[in-house]
């Protein structure tokens, strides 16, 4: 699995009630992926745009899931937060998933055209 570097502009203590919108901006080589997302309960909708090598002029509707459990309801001392979304346009596709869990563990994956890529992502709420 290729690694992603994560930079966050959000406090890790954000709750689901505070997360009505979510913006994700990722770069991988010369490829740039941006997503403007809306969170309604556990559903994510919105738009994804990408451009760069292998994914030129990509625009698609985003679909996905948002899961948040505060500390004590899933893990005893830590929050659990899962953000995942994807979009398909013609033969091109983009997908993203991040999981923040127990003991501060954080994993994320960016997939462009069915291939996990290395990059940097910034998530803002």
C-alpha atoms as a PDB file:
ATOM      1  CA  UNK A   1       0.000   0.000   0.000  1.00  0.00           C
ATOM      2  CA  UNK A   2       1.405   3.357  -0.942  1.00  0.00           C
ATOM      3  CA  UNK A   3       1.569   6.016   1.708  1.00  0.00           C
ATOM      4  CA  UNK A   4      -0.158   9.362   1.861  1.00  0.00           C
ATOM      5  CA  UNK A   5       1.002  12.315   3.887  1.00  0.00           C
ATOM      6  CA  UNK A   6      -1.854  13.857   5.841  1.00  0.00           C
ATOM      7  CA  UNK A   7      -2.231  17.491   6.766  1.00  0.00           C
ATOM      8  CA  UNK A   8      -5.302  18.607   8.630  1.00  0.00           C
ATOM      9  CA  UNK A   9      -6.746  22.029   9.241  1.00  0.00           C
ATOM     10  CA  UNK A  10      -9.345  20.631  11.616  1.00  0.00           C
ATOM     11  CA  UNK A  11      -9.309  19.889  15.293  1.00  0.00           C
ATOM     12  CA  UNK A  12      -9.362  16.160  15.900  1.00  0.00           C
ATOM     13  CA  UNK A  13     -12.217  16.617  18.343  1.00  0.00           C
ATOM     14  CA  UNK A  14     -14.724  17.687  15.678  1.00  0.00           C
ATOM     15  CA  UNK A  15     -18.115  16.037  16.009  1.00  0.00           C
ATOM     16  CA  UNK A  16     -20.531  14.835  13.355  1.00  0.00           C
ATOM     17  CA  UNK A  17     -22.857  17.727  14.176  1.00  0.00           C
ATOM     18  CA  UNK A  18     -20.089  20.187  13.274  1.00  0.00           C
ATOM     19  CA  UNK A  19     -19.377  18.532   9.942  1.00  0.00           C
ATOM     20  CA  UNK A  20     -22.034  19.766   7.534  1.00  0.00           C
ATOM     21  CA  UNK A  21     -19.501  20.399   4.763  1.00  0.00           C
ATOM     22  CA  UNK A  22     -16.151  18.881   3.999  1.00  0.00           C
ATOM     23  CA  UNK A  23     -13.487  19.928   1.494  1.00  0.00           C
ATOM     24  CA  UNK A  24     -10.712  17.576   0.429  1.00  0.00           C
ATOM     25  CA  UNK A  25      -7.711  18.711  -1.609  1.00  0.00           C
ATOM     26  CA  UNK A  26      -5.107  16.142  -2.690  1.00  0.00           C
ATOM     27  CA  UNK A  27      -2.001  16.346  -4.842  1.00  0.00           C
ATOM     28  CA  UNK A  28      -0.142  13.390  -6.280  1.00  0.00           C
ATOM     29  CA  UNK A  29       2.677  14.238  -8.661  1.00  0.00           C
ATOM     30  CA  UNK A  30       1.089  16.667 -11.114  1.00  0.00           C
ATOM     31  CA  UNK A  31      -2.433  15.346 -10.429  1.00  0.00           C
ATOM     32  CA  UNK A  32      -4.735  17.491  -8.287  1.00  0.00           C
ATOM     33  CA  UNK A  33      -7.979  16.158  -6.807  1.00  0.00           C
ATOM     34  CA  UNK A  34     -10.504  18.433  -5.092  1.00  0.00           C
ATOM     35  CA  UNK A  35     -13.844  17.503  -3.586  1.00  0.00           C
ATOM     36  CA  UNK A  36     -16.577  19.748  -2.199  1.00  0.00           C
ATOM     37  CA  UNK A  37     -18.721  17.475  -0.085  1.00  0.00           C
ATOM     38  CA  UNK A  38     -21.903  17.697   1.965  1.00  0.00           C
ATOM     39  CA  UNK A  39     -22.540  15.451   4.934  1.00  0.00           C
ATOM     40  CA  UNK A  40     -26.137  14.595   5.762  1.00  0.00           C
ATOM     41  CA  UNK A  41     -26.209  12.099   8.604  1.00  0.00           C
ATOM     42  CA  UNK A  42     -24.000   9.282   7.374  1.00  0.00           C
ATOM     43  CA  UNK A  43     -24.305  10.095   3.659  1.00  0.00           C
ATOM     44  CA  UNK A  44     -21.752  12.087   1.669  1.00  0.00           C
ATOM     45  CA  UNK A  45     -22.698  13.806  -1.579  1.00  0.00           C
ATOM     46  CA  UNK A  46     -21.025  16.523  -3.614  1.00  0.00           C
ATOM     47  CA  UNK A  47     -18.629  17.031  -6.496  1.00  0.00           C
ATOM     48  CA  UNK A  48     -15.142  15.806  -7.341  1.00  0.00           C
ATOM     49  CA  UNK A  49     -12.777  17.456  -9.815  1.00  0.00           C
ATOM     50  CA  UNK A  50      -9.355  16.202 -10.856  1.00  0.00           C
ATOM     51  CA  UNK A  51      -6.741  17.105 -13.414  1.00  0.00           C
ATOM     52  CA  UNK A  52      -3.228  15.989 -14.182  1.00  0.00           C
ATOM     53  CA  UNK A  53      -1.438  13.047 -15.654  1.00  0.00           C
ATOM     54  CA  UNK A  54      -3.736  10.078 -16.116  1.00  0.00           C
ATOM     55  CA  UNK A  55      -6.910  11.941 -15.141  1.00  0.00           C
ATOM     56  CA  UNK A  56      -7.503  15.004 -17.254  1.00  0.00           C
ATOM     57  CA  UNK A  57     -10.547  17.261 -16.862  1.00  0.00           C
ATOM     58  CA  UNK A  58     -12.296  14.829 -14.500  1.00  0.00           C
ATOM     59  CA  UNK A  59     -15.628  15.965 -13.051  1.00  0.00           C
ATOM     60  CA  UNK A  60     -18.024  13.645 -11.254  1.00  0.00           C
ATOM     61  CA  UNK A  61     -20.723  13.475  -8.631  1.00  0.00           C
ATOM     62  CA  UNK A  62     -19.396  12.229  -5.297  1.00  0.00           C
ATOM     63  CA  UNK A  63     -21.104   9.511  -3.308  1.00  0.00           C
ATOM     64  CA  UNK A  64     -19.904   8.183  -0.005  1.00  0.00           C
ATOM     65  CA  UNK A  65     -20.217   7.573   3.710  1.00  0.00           C
ATOM     66  CA  UNK A  66     -19.356   9.439   6.899  1.00  0.00           C
ATOM     67  CA  UNK A  67     -19.161   7.548  10.184  1.00  0.00           C
ATOM     68  CA  UNK A  68     -18.390   9.147  13.527  1.00  0.00           C
ATOM     69  CA  UNK A  69     -18.488   7.592  16.987  1.00  0.00           C
ATOM     70  CA  UNK A  70     -17.363   9.732  19.925  1.00  0.00           C
ATOM     71  CA  UNK A  71     -14.957   8.331  22.504  1.00  0.00           C
ATOM     72  CA  UNK A  72     -16.662   5.786  24.717  1.00  0.00           C
ATOM     73  CA  UNK A  73     -19.176   4.564  22.153  1.00  0.00           C
ATOM     74  CA  UNK A  74     -16.871   2.495  19.890  1.00  0.00           C
ATOM     75  CA  UNK A  75     -13.402   2.807  21.379  1.00  0.00           C
ATOM     76  CA  UNK A  76     -13.156   3.384  25.105  1.00  0.00           C
ATOM     77  CA  UNK A  77     -10.957   6.512  24.974  1.00  0.00           C
ATOM     78  CA  UNK A  78     -10.816   7.570  21.298  1.00  0.00           C
ATOM     79  CA  UNK A  79     -13.135   8.806  18.563  1.00  0.00           C
ATOM     80  CA  UNK A  80     -13.694   6.735  15.430  1.00  0.00           C
ATOM     81  CA  UNK A  81     -14.145   8.705  12.194  1.00  0.00           C
ATOM     82  CA  UNK A  82     -14.414   7.237   8.695  1.00  0.00           C
ATOM     83  CA  UNK A  83     -14.641   9.425   5.578  1.00  0.00           C
ATOM     84  CA  UNK A  84     -15.025   7.720   2.206  1.00  0.00           C
ATOM     85  CA  UNK A  85     -16.199   8.929  -1.180  1.00  0.00           C
ATOM     86  CA  UNK A  86     -15.864   8.045  -4.837  1.00  0.00           C
ATOM     87  CA  UNK A  87     -16.854   9.268  -8.282  1.00  0.00           C
ATOM     88  CA  UNK A  88     -16.809   7.882 -11.826  1.00  0.00           C
ATOM     89  CA  UNK A  89     -16.777   9.775 -15.116  1.00  0.00           C
ATOM     90  CA  UNK A  90     -16.467   7.772 -18.317  1.00  0.00           C
ATOM     91  CA  UNK A  91     -13.468   5.464 -17.939  1.00  0.00           C
ATOM     92  CA  UNK A  92     -11.928   7.507 -15.104  1.00  0.00           C
ATOM     93  CA  UNK A  93     -12.522   7.132 -11.373  1.00  0.00           C
ATOM     94  CA  UNK A  94     -11.403   8.720  -8.104  1.00  0.00           C
ATOM     95  CA  UNK A  95     -11.873   7.310  -4.597  1.00  0.00           C
ATOM     96  CA  UNK A  96     -10.735   8.411  -1.143  1.00  0.00           C
ATOM     97  CA  UNK A  97     -10.949   6.854   2.306  1.00  0.00           C
ATOM     98  CA  UNK A  98      -9.608   7.920   5.676  1.00  0.00           C
ATOM     99  CA  UNK A  99      -9.969   6.248   9.053  1.00  0.00           C
ATOM    100  CA  UNK A 100      -9.060   7.916  12.341  1.00  0.00           C
ATOM    101  CA  UNK A 101      -9.289   5.517  15.225  1.00  0.00           C
ATOM    102  CA  UNK A 102      -7.879   4.096  18.392  1.00  0.00           C
ATOM    103  CA  UNK A 103      -4.782   5.673  19.968  1.00  0.00           C
ATOM    104  CA  UNK A 104      -4.627   8.382  17.291  1.00  0.00           C
ATOM    105  CA  UNK A 105      -4.140   5.901  14.461  1.00  0.00           C
ATOM    106  CA  UNK A 106      -4.782   7.485  11.071  1.00  0.00           C
ATOM    107  CA  UNK A 107      -4.832   5.826   7.646  1.00  0.00           C
ATOM    108  CA  UNK A 108      -5.901   7.231   4.317  1.00  0.00           C
ATOM    109  CA  UNK A 109      -5.932   6.062   0.728  1.00  0.00           C
ATOM    110  CA  UNK A 110      -6.320   7.997  -2.526  1.00  0.00           C
ATOM    111  CA  UNK A 111      -7.151   5.920  -5.595  1.00  0.00           C
ATOM    112  CA  UNK A 112      -7.036   7.279  -9.151  1.00  0.00           C
ATOM    113  CA  UNK A 113      -8.220   4.962 -11.918  1.00  0.00           C
ATOM    114  CA  UNK A 114      -8.097   1.890  -9.653  1.00  0.00           C
ATOM    115  CA  UNK A 115      -4.513   2.566  -8.534  1.00  0.00           C
ATOM    116  CA  UNK A 116      -3.520   3.710  -5.034  1.00  0.00           C
ATOM    117  CA  UNK A 117      -1.240   6.741  -5.408  1.00  0.00           C
ATOM    118  CA  UNK A 118       1.157   8.554  -3.112  1.00  0.00           C
ATOM    119  CA  UNK A 119       0.268  12.142  -2.325  1.00  0.00           C
ATOM    120  CA  UNK A 120      -0.684  14.792   0.168  1.00  0.00           C
ATOM    121  CA  UNK A 121      -4.278  15.506   1.240  1.00  0.00           C
ATOM    122  CA  UNK A 122      -5.738  18.365   3.246  1.00  0.00           C
ATOM    123  CA  UNK A 123      -9.194  17.994   4.777  1.00  0.00           C
ATOM    124  CA  UNK A 124     -11.147  21.012   6.021  1.00  0.00           C
ATOM    125  CA  UNK A 125     -14.479  21.030   7.815  1.00  0.00           C
END
